[in-house]
N, C-alpha and C. Protein backbone atom coordinates (compact mmCIF):
# COMPACT_ATOMS: atom_id res chain seq x y z
N MET A 1 0.85 -1.19 0.00
CA MET A 1 0.00 0.00 0.00
C MET A 1 0.88 1.23 0.00
N THR A 2 0.58 2.20 -0.87
CA THR A 2 1.41 3.39 -0.97
C THR A 2 1.12 4.34 0.16
N GLY A 3 2.01 5.38 0.28
CA GLY A 3 1.80 6.38 1.32
C GLY A 3 0.50 7.11 1.15
N VAL A 4 0.12 7.39 -0.12
CA VAL A 4 -1.15 8.08 -0.39
C VAL A 4 -2.31 7.22 0.06
N GLN A 5 -2.24 5.90 -0.26
CA GLN A 5 -3.30 5.00 0.14
C GLN A 5 -3.40 4.89 1.66
N ASN A 6 -2.23 4.86 2.32
CA ASN A 6 -2.22 4.84 3.79
C ASN A 6 -2.92 6.05 4.35
N SER A 7 -2.61 7.22 3.79
CA SER A 7 -3.22 8.47 4.26
C SER A 7 -4.72 8.45 4.07
N GLU A 8 -5.16 7.97 2.89
CA GLU A 8 -6.59 7.92 2.62
C GLU A 8 -7.30 6.94 3.55
N ALA A 9 -6.63 5.80 3.82
CA ALA A 9 -7.23 4.82 4.73
C ALA A 9 -7.36 5.39 6.13
N SER A 10 -6.33 6.15 6.56
CA SER A 10 -6.37 6.78 7.88
C SER A 10 -7.51 7.77 7.98
N LYS A 11 -7.68 8.56 6.92
CA LYS A 11 -8.77 9.55 6.91
C LYS A 11 -10.13 8.86 6.97
N GLU A 12 -10.23 7.69 6.27
CA GLU A 12 -11.49 6.95 6.28
C GLU A 12 -11.82 6.45 7.68
N VAL A 13 -10.79 5.98 8.41
CA VAL A 13 -10.99 5.53 9.79
C VAL A 13 -11.49 6.68 10.64
N VAL A 14 -10.87 7.86 10.48
CA VAL A 14 -11.28 9.03 11.25
C VAL A 14 -12.72 9.41 10.94
N ARG A 15 -13.11 9.33 9.65
CA ARG A 15 -14.48 9.70 9.27
C ARG A 15 -15.48 8.76 9.90
N ARG A 16 -15.11 7.46 10.03
CA ARG A 16 -16.05 6.48 10.58
C ARG A 16 -16.12 6.57 12.11
N ARG A 17 -15.14 7.20 12.72
CA ARG A 17 -15.09 7.26 14.18
C ARG A 17 -16.20 8.17 14.70
N SER A 18 -16.88 7.74 15.76
CA SER A 18 -17.93 8.56 16.35
C SER A 18 -17.33 9.73 17.13
N ALA A 19 -18.17 10.71 17.45
CA ALA A 19 -17.69 11.85 18.23
C ALA A 19 -17.16 11.39 19.59
N SER A 20 -17.86 10.43 20.20
CA SER A 20 -17.43 9.92 21.50
C SER A 20 -16.07 9.23 21.39
N ALA A 21 -15.90 8.43 20.34
CA ALA A 21 -14.63 7.73 20.15
C ALA A 21 -13.51 8.72 19.86
N THR A 22 -13.82 9.79 19.14
CA THR A 22 -12.81 10.80 18.84
C THR A 22 -12.37 11.51 20.12
N ARG A 23 -13.33 11.84 20.98
CA ARG A 23 -12.98 12.47 22.26
C ARG A 23 -12.08 11.54 23.08
N THR A 24 -12.44 10.25 23.09
CA THR A 24 -11.64 9.28 23.85
C THR A 24 -10.23 9.20 23.28
N ALA A 25 -10.11 9.18 21.95
CA ALA A 25 -8.80 9.11 21.31
C ALA A 25 -7.99 10.36 21.60
N LEU A 26 -8.64 11.51 21.60
CA LEU A 26 -7.94 12.77 21.90
C LEU A 26 -7.47 12.79 23.36
N ARG A 27 -8.30 12.30 24.27
CA ARG A 27 -7.88 12.23 25.67
C ARG A 27 -6.67 11.33 25.84
N ALA A 28 -6.69 10.17 25.15
CA ALA A 28 -5.57 9.24 25.26
C ALA A 28 -4.28 9.87 24.71
N ALA A 29 -4.40 10.54 23.56
CA ALA A 29 -3.22 11.18 22.96
C ALA A 29 -2.72 12.31 23.85
N ALA A 30 -3.65 13.08 24.43
CA ALA A 30 -3.26 14.17 25.31
C ALA A 30 -2.60 13.64 26.57
N ALA A 31 -3.14 12.56 27.12
CA ALA A 31 -2.56 11.96 28.33
C ALA A 31 -1.13 11.52 28.07
N PHE A 32 -0.90 10.90 26.92
CA PHE A 32 0.46 10.46 26.60
C PHE A 32 1.40 11.66 26.47
N ARG A 33 0.99 12.67 25.73
CA ARG A 33 1.89 13.81 25.48
C ARG A 33 2.10 14.65 26.73
N PHE A 34 1.06 14.92 27.49
CA PHE A 34 1.23 15.70 28.72
C PHE A 34 2.09 14.92 29.71
N GLY A 35 1.88 13.60 29.78
CA GLY A 35 2.64 12.79 30.70
C GLY A 35 4.11 12.72 30.33
N LYS A 36 4.42 12.73 29.03
CA LYS A 36 5.80 12.57 28.58
C LYS A 36 6.52 13.91 28.42
N TYR A 37 5.82 14.91 27.88
CA TYR A 37 6.48 16.17 27.53
C TYR A 37 6.08 17.35 28.40
N GLY A 38 5.06 17.16 29.26
CA GLY A 38 4.60 18.26 30.10
C GLY A 38 3.67 19.20 29.36
N TYR A 39 3.13 20.15 30.10
CA TYR A 39 2.15 21.08 29.52
C TYR A 39 2.78 21.96 28.46
N GLU A 40 3.91 22.58 28.80
CA GLU A 40 4.53 23.51 27.88
C GLU A 40 5.08 22.81 26.65
N GLY A 41 5.50 21.55 26.78
CA GLY A 41 6.10 20.84 25.66
C GLY A 41 5.10 20.15 24.75
N THR A 42 3.83 20.36 25.00
CA THR A 42 2.77 19.73 24.21
C THR A 42 1.94 20.79 23.51
N SER A 43 1.65 20.57 22.24
CA SER A 43 0.80 21.52 21.50
C SER A 43 -0.51 20.83 21.10
N VAL A 44 -1.53 21.62 20.90
CA VAL A 44 -2.82 21.10 20.44
C VAL A 44 -2.65 20.44 19.08
N ARG A 45 -1.81 21.02 18.24
CA ARG A 45 -1.57 20.46 16.91
C ARG A 45 -0.98 19.05 17.01
N ASP A 46 -0.04 18.85 17.96
CA ASP A 46 0.55 17.52 18.16
C ASP A 46 -0.51 16.50 18.56
N ILE A 47 -1.36 16.88 19.50
CA ILE A 47 -2.40 15.97 19.99
C ILE A 47 -3.35 15.61 18.86
N ALA A 48 -3.80 16.61 18.12
CA ALA A 48 -4.71 16.37 17.01
C ALA A 48 -4.05 15.50 15.95
N GLY A 49 -2.77 15.76 15.68
CA GLY A 49 -2.05 14.98 14.67
C GLY A 49 -1.95 13.51 15.05
N ASP A 50 -1.77 13.23 16.34
CA ASP A 50 -1.69 11.84 16.80
C ASP A 50 -2.97 11.07 16.51
N VAL A 51 -4.09 11.80 16.52
CA VAL A 51 -5.39 11.15 16.32
C VAL A 51 -5.83 11.23 14.86
N GLY A 52 -5.18 12.11 14.07
CA GLY A 52 -5.54 12.24 12.67
C GLY A 52 -6.70 13.17 12.42
N VAL A 53 -6.86 14.19 13.29
CA VAL A 53 -7.93 15.17 13.10
C VAL A 53 -7.33 16.56 13.08
N ASP A 54 -8.13 17.52 12.70
CA ASP A 54 -7.69 18.91 12.69
C ASP A 54 -7.67 19.47 14.11
N ALA A 55 -6.73 20.37 14.37
CA ALA A 55 -6.62 20.97 15.71
C ALA A 55 -7.90 21.67 16.13
N ALA A 56 -8.66 22.17 15.15
CA ALA A 56 -9.91 22.87 15.47
C ALA A 56 -10.87 21.96 16.22
N LEU A 57 -10.77 20.65 15.96
CA LEU A 57 -11.68 19.72 16.62
C LEU A 57 -11.38 19.62 18.11
N VAL A 58 -10.12 19.78 18.49
CA VAL A 58 -9.75 19.77 19.91
C VAL A 58 -10.44 20.93 20.61
N TYR A 59 -10.38 22.11 20.00
CA TYR A 59 -11.03 23.29 20.59
C TYR A 59 -12.54 23.12 20.62
N ARG A 60 -13.06 22.47 19.60
CA ARG A 60 -14.52 22.26 19.55
C ARG A 60 -14.98 21.37 20.69
N TYR A 61 -14.22 20.29 20.98
CA TYR A 61 -14.63 19.34 21.99
C TYR A 61 -14.26 19.77 23.41
N PHE A 62 -13.13 20.45 23.56
CA PHE A 62 -12.62 20.73 24.91
C PHE A 62 -12.49 22.21 25.24
N GLY A 63 -12.55 23.07 24.25
CA GLY A 63 -12.53 24.51 24.50
C GLY A 63 -11.14 25.12 24.45
N SER A 64 -10.17 24.46 25.07
CA SER A 64 -8.81 25.01 25.11
C SER A 64 -7.82 23.91 25.49
N LYS A 65 -6.57 24.20 25.29
CA LYS A 65 -5.52 23.26 25.70
C LYS A 65 -5.55 23.06 27.21
N GLU A 66 -5.75 24.13 27.96
CA GLU A 66 -5.77 24.03 29.42
C GLU A 66 -6.94 23.17 29.89
N ALA A 67 -8.10 23.34 29.23
CA ALA A 67 -9.26 22.54 29.62
C ALA A 67 -9.03 21.06 29.34
N LEU A 68 -8.36 20.77 28.22
CA LEU A 68 -8.04 19.38 27.91
C LEU A 68 -7.06 18.80 28.92
N PHE A 69 -6.06 19.60 29.29
CA PHE A 69 -5.10 19.16 30.31
C PHE A 69 -5.82 18.85 31.62
N ASN A 70 -6.70 19.74 32.04
CA ASN A 70 -7.43 19.53 33.29
C ASN A 70 -8.30 18.28 33.20
N ASP A 71 -8.85 18.02 32.02
CA ASP A 71 -9.73 16.88 31.83
C ASP A 71 -8.96 15.57 32.03
N VAL A 72 -7.80 15.45 31.39
CA VAL A 72 -7.07 14.18 31.47
C VAL A 72 -6.25 14.06 32.75
N ALA A 73 -5.95 15.20 33.39
CA ALA A 73 -5.13 15.16 34.60
C ALA A 73 -5.96 15.14 35.87
N CYS A 74 -7.28 15.09 35.72
CA CYS A 74 -8.16 15.15 36.90
C CYS A 74 -7.97 13.90 37.76
N THR A 75 -7.42 14.09 38.93
CA THR A 75 -7.15 12.97 39.82
C THR A 75 -8.43 12.29 40.29
N GLY A 76 -9.48 13.09 40.46
CA GLY A 76 -10.74 12.52 40.92
C GLY A 76 -11.27 11.45 39.97
N LYS A 77 -11.17 11.72 38.66
CA LYS A 77 -11.64 10.74 37.69
C LYS A 77 -10.79 9.47 37.72
N MET A 78 -9.50 9.66 37.91
CA MET A 78 -8.58 8.53 37.93
C MET A 78 -8.92 7.56 39.06
N PHE A 79 -9.31 8.09 40.21
CA PHE A 79 -9.56 7.25 41.38
C PHE A 79 -11.03 6.95 41.61
N GLU A 80 -11.90 7.43 40.73
CA GLU A 80 -13.34 7.19 40.89
C GLU A 80 -13.67 5.70 41.02
N PRO A 81 -13.04 4.81 40.20
CA PRO A 81 -13.37 3.38 40.34
C PRO A 81 -13.08 2.82 41.72
N LEU A 82 -12.11 3.39 42.42
CA LEU A 82 -11.78 2.93 43.77
C LEU A 82 -12.99 3.05 44.69
N LEU A 83 -13.75 4.12 44.51
CA LEU A 83 -14.88 4.38 45.40
C LEU A 83 -16.06 3.46 45.12
N GLN A 84 -16.01 2.73 43.99
CA GLN A 84 -17.07 1.78 43.68
C GLN A 84 -16.73 0.36 44.16
N GLU A 85 -15.49 0.16 44.58
CA GLU A 85 -15.06 -1.16 45.02
C GLU A 85 -15.64 -1.51 46.39
N PRO A 86 -16.05 -2.76 46.60
CA PRO A 86 -16.37 -3.18 47.97
C PRO A 86 -15.14 -3.01 48.86
N VAL A 87 -15.36 -2.65 50.10
CA VAL A 87 -14.23 -2.36 51.00
C VAL A 87 -13.25 -3.53 51.06
N GLU A 88 -13.78 -4.74 51.05
CA GLU A 88 -12.89 -5.90 51.20
C GLU A 88 -12.00 -6.12 49.97
N THR A 89 -12.34 -5.51 48.84
CA THR A 89 -11.50 -5.69 47.64
C THR A 89 -10.63 -4.47 47.35
N ILE A 90 -10.62 -3.49 48.24
CA ILE A 90 -9.78 -2.31 48.03
C ILE A 90 -8.30 -2.68 47.90
N PRO A 91 -7.77 -3.60 48.72
CA PRO A 91 -6.37 -4.00 48.50
C PRO A 91 -6.12 -4.54 47.09
N ASP A 92 -7.11 -5.27 46.53
CA ASP A 92 -6.97 -5.79 45.17
C ASP A 92 -6.84 -4.64 44.17
N TRP A 93 -7.65 -3.59 44.38
CA TRP A 93 -7.64 -2.44 43.46
C TRP A 93 -6.29 -1.73 43.49
N PHE A 94 -5.77 -1.50 44.68
CA PHE A 94 -4.47 -0.84 44.81
C PHE A 94 -3.37 -1.67 44.14
N CYS A 95 -3.39 -2.96 44.37
CA CYS A 95 -2.37 -3.83 43.77
C CYS A 95 -2.47 -3.82 42.25
N ALA A 96 -3.69 -3.85 41.73
CA ALA A 96 -3.87 -3.82 40.28
C ALA A 96 -3.33 -2.53 39.68
N MET A 97 -3.47 -1.42 40.42
CA MET A 97 -2.97 -0.13 39.94
C MET A 97 -1.45 -0.10 39.92
N LEU A 98 -0.81 -0.77 40.85
CA LEU A 98 0.64 -0.64 41.04
C LEU A 98 1.45 -1.76 40.43
N LEU A 99 0.81 -2.88 40.13
CA LEU A 99 1.56 -4.02 39.59
C LEU A 99 1.61 -3.97 38.08
N GLY A 100 2.38 -4.87 37.49
CA GLY A 100 2.51 -4.92 36.04
C GLY A 100 3.71 -4.13 35.56
N GLN A 101 4.09 -4.37 34.33
CA GLN A 101 5.24 -3.69 33.75
C GLN A 101 4.96 -2.19 33.64
N PRO A 102 5.82 -1.35 34.22
CA PRO A 102 5.60 0.10 34.10
C PRO A 102 5.59 0.53 32.63
N LYS A 103 4.63 1.39 32.28
CA LYS A 103 4.53 1.89 30.91
C LYS A 103 4.55 3.41 30.94
N GLU A 104 5.45 3.96 30.16
CA GLU A 104 5.64 5.41 30.16
C GLU A 104 4.52 6.10 29.42
N GLY A 105 4.00 7.17 30.00
CA GLY A 105 3.07 8.03 29.28
C GLY A 105 1.64 7.53 29.23
N ASP A 106 1.27 6.51 30.02
CA ASP A 106 -0.10 6.03 29.99
C ASP A 106 -1.08 7.11 30.43
N PHE A 107 -0.72 7.87 31.44
CA PHE A 107 -1.52 9.00 31.88
C PHE A 107 -0.58 9.95 32.61
N PRO A 108 -0.95 11.22 32.68
CA PRO A 108 -0.08 12.14 33.41
C PRO A 108 -0.10 11.80 34.89
N HIS A 109 1.04 11.45 35.45
CA HIS A 109 1.08 11.18 36.89
C HIS A 109 0.66 12.45 37.61
N PRO A 110 -0.25 12.34 38.61
CA PRO A 110 -0.74 13.55 39.29
C PRO A 110 0.36 14.44 39.83
N VAL A 111 1.40 13.86 40.42
CA VAL A 111 2.49 14.67 40.98
C VAL A 111 3.27 15.36 39.87
N LEU A 112 3.56 14.63 38.79
CA LEU A 112 4.28 15.25 37.68
C LEU A 112 3.45 16.31 37.00
N SER A 113 2.15 16.09 36.93
CA SER A 113 1.28 17.10 36.32
C SER A 113 1.38 18.43 37.07
N VAL A 114 1.47 18.35 38.40
CA VAL A 114 1.62 19.56 39.20
C VAL A 114 2.97 20.22 38.92
N LEU A 115 4.03 19.41 38.90
CA LEU A 115 5.37 19.96 38.69
C LEU A 115 5.53 20.58 37.32
N ARG A 116 4.81 20.03 36.34
CA ARG A 116 4.96 20.50 34.97
C ARG A 116 3.93 21.56 34.59
N SER A 117 3.00 21.84 35.47
CA SER A 117 1.96 22.81 35.16
C SER A 117 2.51 24.22 35.09
N SER A 118 1.95 25.00 34.17
CA SER A 118 2.38 26.39 34.06
C SER A 118 1.90 27.21 35.25
N GLY A 119 0.79 26.81 35.86
CA GLY A 119 0.28 27.50 37.05
C GLY A 119 0.42 26.59 38.25
N ARG A 120 1.62 26.57 38.84
CA ARG A 120 1.94 25.60 39.89
C ARG A 120 0.99 25.69 41.08
N ASP A 121 0.78 26.89 41.60
CA ASP A 121 -0.06 27.03 42.80
C ASP A 121 -1.48 26.54 42.54
N GLU A 122 -2.01 26.89 41.38
CA GLU A 122 -3.36 26.46 41.04
C GLU A 122 -3.43 24.94 40.90
N ALA A 123 -2.38 24.37 40.28
CA ALA A 123 -2.34 22.91 40.11
C ALA A 123 -2.25 22.19 41.44
N VAL A 124 -1.43 22.73 42.36
CA VAL A 124 -1.32 22.14 43.70
C VAL A 124 -2.68 22.17 44.40
N GLY A 125 -3.35 23.31 44.30
CA GLY A 125 -4.66 23.44 44.93
C GLY A 125 -5.68 22.46 44.35
N ARG A 126 -5.63 22.28 43.03
CA ARG A 126 -6.55 21.35 42.38
C ARG A 126 -6.26 19.91 42.80
N LEU A 127 -4.97 19.54 42.87
CA LEU A 127 -4.61 18.19 43.30
C LEU A 127 -5.03 17.96 44.74
N ARG A 128 -4.79 18.95 45.60
CA ARG A 128 -5.18 18.82 47.00
C ARG A 128 -6.69 18.63 47.13
N ALA A 129 -7.45 19.40 46.35
CA ALA A 129 -8.91 19.30 46.41
C ALA A 129 -9.38 17.93 45.94
N ASP A 130 -8.77 17.42 44.86
CA ASP A 130 -9.15 16.10 44.35
C ASP A 130 -8.85 15.00 45.35
N LEU A 131 -7.64 15.03 45.91
CA LEU A 131 -7.24 14.00 46.86
C LEU A 131 -8.05 14.07 48.15
N THR A 132 -8.35 15.29 48.58
CA THR A 132 -9.17 15.46 49.79
C THR A 132 -10.56 14.87 49.58
N GLU A 133 -11.15 15.16 48.43
CA GLU A 133 -12.49 14.65 48.14
C GLU A 133 -12.51 13.12 48.06
N VAL A 134 -11.55 12.56 47.32
CA VAL A 134 -11.56 11.11 47.09
C VAL A 134 -11.12 10.34 48.33
N PHE A 135 -10.00 10.76 48.93
CA PHE A 135 -9.41 9.96 50.01
C PHE A 135 -9.83 10.45 51.40
N SER A 136 -9.58 11.74 51.70
CA SER A 136 -9.81 12.24 53.05
C SER A 136 -11.28 12.20 53.44
N LYS A 137 -12.17 12.31 52.45
CA LYS A 137 -13.60 12.32 52.75
C LYS A 137 -14.28 11.01 52.38
N ARG A 138 -14.31 10.70 51.08
CA ARG A 138 -15.14 9.59 50.62
C ARG A 138 -14.55 8.22 50.99
N LEU A 139 -13.26 8.02 50.75
CA LEU A 139 -12.68 6.73 51.14
C LEU A 139 -12.63 6.59 52.65
N ALA A 140 -12.31 7.68 53.35
CA ALA A 140 -12.27 7.63 54.81
C ALA A 140 -13.62 7.24 55.39
N ALA A 141 -14.69 7.76 54.80
CA ALA A 141 -16.03 7.42 55.29
C ALA A 141 -16.31 5.93 55.12
N ARG A 142 -15.75 5.33 54.07
CA ARG A 142 -15.97 3.91 53.84
C ARG A 142 -15.09 3.05 54.76
N LEU A 143 -13.91 3.53 55.08
CA LEU A 143 -13.04 2.77 55.97
C LEU A 143 -13.58 2.76 57.39
N GLY A 144 -14.01 3.95 57.86
CA GLY A 144 -14.55 4.06 59.21
C GLY A 144 -13.50 3.81 60.28
N GLY A 145 -13.92 3.94 61.53
CA GLY A 145 -13.02 3.70 62.64
C GLY A 145 -12.13 4.89 62.95
N ALA A 146 -11.25 4.71 63.93
CA ALA A 146 -10.37 5.79 64.37
C ALA A 146 -9.39 6.17 63.27
N ASP A 147 -9.13 7.47 63.16
CA ASP A 147 -8.12 8.00 62.23
C ASP A 147 -8.38 7.58 60.79
N ALA A 148 -9.63 7.46 60.40
CA ALA A 148 -9.95 7.00 59.05
C ALA A 148 -9.40 7.94 57.99
N ASP A 149 -9.48 9.24 58.24
CA ASP A 149 -8.98 10.19 57.24
C ASP A 149 -7.45 10.09 57.11
N LEU A 150 -6.77 9.91 58.23
CA LEU A 150 -5.31 9.75 58.19
C LEU A 150 -4.93 8.47 57.45
N ARG A 151 -5.62 7.38 57.75
CA ARG A 151 -5.31 6.11 57.09
C ARG A 151 -5.56 6.20 55.59
N ALA A 152 -6.65 6.88 55.20
CA ALA A 152 -6.95 7.04 53.77
C ALA A 152 -5.88 7.88 53.07
N GLU A 153 -5.43 8.93 53.73
CA GLU A 153 -4.38 9.77 53.13
C GLU A 153 -3.05 9.03 53.05
N LEU A 154 -2.76 8.19 54.04
CA LEU A 154 -1.54 7.39 53.98
C LEU A 154 -1.60 6.40 52.81
N LEU A 155 -2.78 5.84 52.55
CA LEU A 155 -2.94 4.96 51.40
C LEU A 155 -2.66 5.72 50.10
N SER A 156 -3.19 6.94 50.00
CA SER A 156 -2.95 7.73 48.78
C SER A 156 -1.48 8.10 48.65
N ALA A 157 -0.84 8.46 49.76
CA ALA A 157 0.57 8.83 49.72
C ALA A 157 1.43 7.65 49.30
N TRP A 158 1.12 6.48 49.82
CA TRP A 158 1.89 5.29 49.47
C TRP A 158 1.71 4.95 48.00
N MET A 159 0.46 5.03 47.52
CA MET A 159 0.19 4.69 46.13
C MET A 159 0.86 5.68 45.17
N LEU A 160 0.71 6.98 45.45
CA LEU A 160 1.30 7.99 44.57
C LEU A 160 2.83 7.90 44.57
N GLY A 161 3.39 7.72 45.76
CA GLY A 161 4.85 7.63 45.84
C GLY A 161 5.39 6.39 45.17
N THR A 162 4.72 5.25 45.38
CA THR A 162 5.17 4.01 44.77
C THR A 162 5.06 4.08 43.25
N SER A 163 3.94 4.59 42.76
CA SER A 163 3.76 4.66 41.31
C SER A 163 4.75 5.64 40.68
N LEU A 164 5.05 6.74 41.38
CA LEU A 164 6.02 7.70 40.85
C LEU A 164 7.41 7.06 40.77
N MET A 165 7.80 6.37 41.82
CA MET A 165 9.11 5.71 41.84
C MET A 165 9.20 4.61 40.79
N ARG A 166 8.08 3.95 40.55
CA ARG A 166 8.09 2.78 39.67
C ARG A 166 7.98 3.16 38.19
N THR A 167 7.14 4.14 37.86
CA THR A 167 6.88 4.44 36.45
C THR A 167 7.67 5.61 35.92
N GLU A 168 8.05 6.57 36.78
CA GLU A 168 8.71 7.77 36.29
C GLU A 168 10.18 7.83 36.69
N ILE A 169 10.44 7.67 37.99
CA ILE A 169 11.82 7.68 38.47
C ILE A 169 12.51 6.37 38.12
N ARG A 170 11.75 5.29 38.13
CA ARG A 170 12.24 3.96 37.75
C ARG A 170 13.42 3.52 38.63
N SER A 171 13.19 3.53 39.91
CA SER A 171 14.22 3.06 40.84
C SER A 171 14.46 1.56 40.61
N PRO A 172 15.70 1.08 40.77
CA PRO A 172 16.05 -0.27 40.32
C PRO A 172 15.26 -1.39 40.98
N ALA A 173 15.07 -1.32 42.30
CA ALA A 173 14.38 -2.43 42.97
C ALA A 173 12.91 -2.50 42.56
N LEU A 174 12.24 -1.35 42.53
CA LEU A 174 10.81 -1.34 42.22
C LEU A 174 10.53 -1.70 40.77
N THR A 175 11.44 -1.39 39.86
CA THR A 175 11.19 -1.72 38.46
C THR A 175 11.59 -3.14 38.10
N SER A 176 12.40 -3.78 38.93
CA SER A 176 12.86 -5.13 38.59
C SER A 176 12.23 -6.22 39.45
N VAL A 177 11.55 -5.83 40.51
CA VAL A 177 10.99 -6.83 41.43
C VAL A 177 9.89 -7.64 40.74
N PRO A 178 9.83 -8.95 40.97
CA PRO A 178 8.71 -9.75 40.44
C PRO A 178 7.38 -9.28 41.04
N ASP A 179 6.33 -9.34 40.24
CA ASP A 179 5.02 -8.89 40.71
C ASP A 179 4.59 -9.58 41.99
N ALA A 180 4.86 -10.88 42.09
CA ALA A 180 4.41 -11.62 43.28
C ALA A 180 5.07 -11.09 44.54
N THR A 181 6.35 -10.74 44.45
CA THR A 181 7.05 -10.20 45.62
C THR A 181 6.52 -8.83 45.99
N LEU A 182 6.37 -7.97 44.98
CA LEU A 182 5.84 -6.63 45.24
C LEU A 182 4.44 -6.70 45.83
N GLU A 183 3.62 -7.57 45.28
CA GLU A 183 2.24 -7.68 45.77
C GLU A 183 2.21 -8.11 47.24
N ARG A 184 3.11 -9.00 47.62
CA ARG A 184 3.15 -9.45 49.02
C ARG A 184 3.38 -8.29 49.97
N TYR A 185 4.32 -7.42 49.63
CA TYR A 185 4.60 -6.26 50.49
C TYR A 185 3.48 -5.22 50.42
N LEU A 186 2.95 -5.01 49.22
CA LEU A 186 1.86 -4.04 49.08
C LEU A 186 0.66 -4.45 49.93
N ARG A 187 0.27 -5.70 49.83
CA ARG A 187 -0.90 -6.16 50.59
C ARG A 187 -0.67 -6.05 52.09
N ALA A 188 0.54 -6.38 52.52
CA ALA A 188 0.83 -6.30 53.95
C ALA A 188 0.65 -4.88 54.46
N GLY A 189 1.16 -3.91 53.70
CA GLY A 189 1.04 -2.52 54.13
C GLY A 189 -0.37 -1.97 54.00
N ILE A 190 -1.06 -2.31 52.91
CA ILE A 190 -2.42 -1.82 52.69
C ILE A 190 -3.36 -2.35 53.76
N GLU A 191 -3.24 -3.63 54.07
CA GLU A 191 -4.16 -4.22 55.04
C GLU A 191 -3.96 -3.64 56.44
N VAL A 192 -2.74 -3.22 56.76
CA VAL A 192 -2.50 -2.54 58.05
C VAL A 192 -3.32 -1.25 58.12
N LEU A 193 -3.39 -0.53 57.00
CA LEU A 193 -4.08 0.77 56.99
C LEU A 193 -5.58 0.64 56.82
N MET A 194 -6.07 -0.54 56.49
CA MET A 194 -7.51 -0.71 56.31
C MET A 194 -8.26 -0.67 57.64
N ALA A 195 -7.57 -0.96 58.72
CA ALA A 195 -8.21 -0.98 60.04
C ALA A 195 -7.43 -0.07 60.99
N PRO A 196 -8.07 0.47 62.04
CA PRO A 196 -7.36 1.35 62.98
C PRO A 196 -6.21 0.61 63.67
N ALA A 197 -5.16 1.34 63.96
CA ALA A 197 -4.02 0.77 64.70
C ALA A 197 -4.43 0.57 66.16
N PRO A 198 -3.88 -0.45 66.81
CA PRO A 198 -4.19 -0.65 68.23
C PRO A 198 -3.78 0.58 69.03
N GLN A 199 -4.61 0.93 70.01
CA GLN A 199 -4.33 2.09 70.86
C GLN A 199 -3.27 1.74 71.89
N CYS A 200 -2.30 2.63 72.06
CA CYS A 200 -1.32 2.45 73.13
C CYS A 200 -1.95 2.85 74.46
N ASP A 201 -1.58 2.15 75.52
CA ASP A 201 -2.10 2.49 76.86
C ASP A 201 -1.23 3.60 77.43
N ASP A 202 -1.60 4.85 77.12
CA ASP A 202 -0.80 6.00 77.56
C ASP A 202 -0.73 6.09 79.08
N HIS A 203 -1.84 5.73 79.74
CA HIS A 203 -1.85 5.83 81.21
C HIS A 203 -0.87 4.83 81.81
N ALA A 204 -0.86 3.60 81.23
CA ALA A 204 0.06 2.60 81.76
C ALA A 204 1.50 3.02 81.55
N SER A 205 1.79 3.61 80.38
CA SER A 205 3.15 4.08 80.12
C SER A 205 3.54 5.18 81.09
N ALA A 206 2.58 6.09 81.35
CA ALA A 206 2.86 7.19 82.27
C ALA A 206 3.09 6.67 83.69
N ASP A 207 2.27 5.66 84.10
CA ASP A 207 2.44 5.10 85.44
C ASP A 207 3.81 4.44 85.59
N THR A 208 4.23 3.72 84.55
CA THR A 208 5.54 3.06 84.59
C THR A 208 6.65 4.08 84.69
N GLU A 209 6.52 5.17 83.93
CA GLU A 209 7.54 6.23 83.96
C GLU A 209 7.63 6.84 85.35
N HIS A 210 6.46 7.12 85.96
CA HIS A 210 6.46 7.71 87.31
C HIS A 210 7.07 6.75 88.32
N THR A 211 6.74 5.45 88.21
CA THR A 211 7.27 4.46 89.14
C THR A 211 8.78 4.38 89.06
N ASP A 212 9.32 4.35 87.85
CA ASP A 212 10.76 4.29 87.67
C ASP A 212 11.44 5.52 88.26
N ARG A 213 10.83 6.70 88.06
CA ARG A 213 11.43 7.92 88.58
C ARG A 213 11.39 7.93 90.10
N ASP A 214 10.28 7.45 90.67
CA ASP A 214 10.17 7.42 92.13
C ASP A 214 11.20 6.47 92.74
N LEU A 215 11.40 5.31 92.09
CA LEU A 215 12.39 4.36 92.59
C LEU A 215 13.78 4.97 92.57
N THR A 216 14.08 5.70 91.53
CA THR A 216 15.40 6.32 91.41
C THR A 216 15.60 7.39 92.47
N LEU A 217 14.56 8.17 92.73
CA LEU A 217 14.67 9.25 93.71
C LEU A 217 14.89 8.72 95.11
N HIS A 218 14.28 7.56 95.42
CA HIS A 218 14.37 7.03 96.78
C HIS A 218 15.48 6.01 96.96
N CYS A 219 16.28 5.81 95.95
CA CYS A 219 17.35 4.82 96.01
C CYS A 219 18.63 5.50 96.49
N PRO A 220 19.43 4.85 97.30
CA PRO A 220 20.74 5.40 97.68
C PRO A 220 21.66 5.45 96.47
N ASP A 221 22.74 6.19 96.64
CA ASP A 221 23.66 6.41 95.51
C ASP A 221 24.24 5.11 94.98
N ASN A 222 24.41 4.12 95.86
CA ASN A 222 25.04 2.86 95.41
C ASN A 222 23.99 1.82 94.97
N CYS A 223 22.74 2.27 94.83
CA CYS A 223 21.66 1.36 94.43
C CYS A 223 21.85 0.93 92.97
N PRO A 224 21.64 -0.35 92.67
CA PRO A 224 21.80 -0.81 91.27
C PRO A 224 20.87 -0.09 90.31
N ILE A 225 19.67 0.27 90.78
CA ILE A 225 18.73 0.97 89.90
C ILE A 225 19.30 2.31 89.48
N ARG A 226 19.85 3.06 90.49
CA ARG A 226 20.41 4.38 90.17
C ARG A 226 21.64 4.23 89.28
N ARG A 227 22.49 3.23 89.62
CA ARG A 227 23.69 3.04 88.79
C ARG A 227 23.30 2.68 87.34
N GLY A 228 22.20 1.93 87.15
CA GLY A 228 21.79 1.55 85.80
C GLY A 228 21.29 2.73 85.03
């Protein structure tokens, strides 16, 4: 098939594609480019070219480059499926997100999106709002028990940090570890955070501290307790 025929075949595929499919294809292309090249290094023309449509169609569907970036980088959408999972399968969801061969550019990592955004403060605020809504409020409400919001935020911190190290920084241990080994450690840590930590007996600790101090005060200088 000649280059001209290839081009015509590509145009035919684009013509047959529905508006919904075109939007999905544009989101996927934008996610790849924003994730790999950042906001400033990505143009609307590049995104449209990847999908085989005119740049005007991007503006028609999304309004602007910034609106498209916000659409694909929205952390809330990324984690929405988590909130539909039964509580007992939440560890499965986290493991599915973090396991498998790391693939570059699948979606803009939320942390990298903030670092690469032209409006850093606004991006930080948007990420904080998304994470607060998904984890600190909605997931915490499902976990229940003491310190639910803290435990939910620790889950998000662990997931974001692990995925950043694994897919973007590519630290040697995390990128080379067998899935079964990684999953064993992930599940152990996730399951600890699914339930409240045992409460320490602060009163008992305080009583022991007072008792030790009293023994020391009333002991002669040559007492083994004082010498210890």
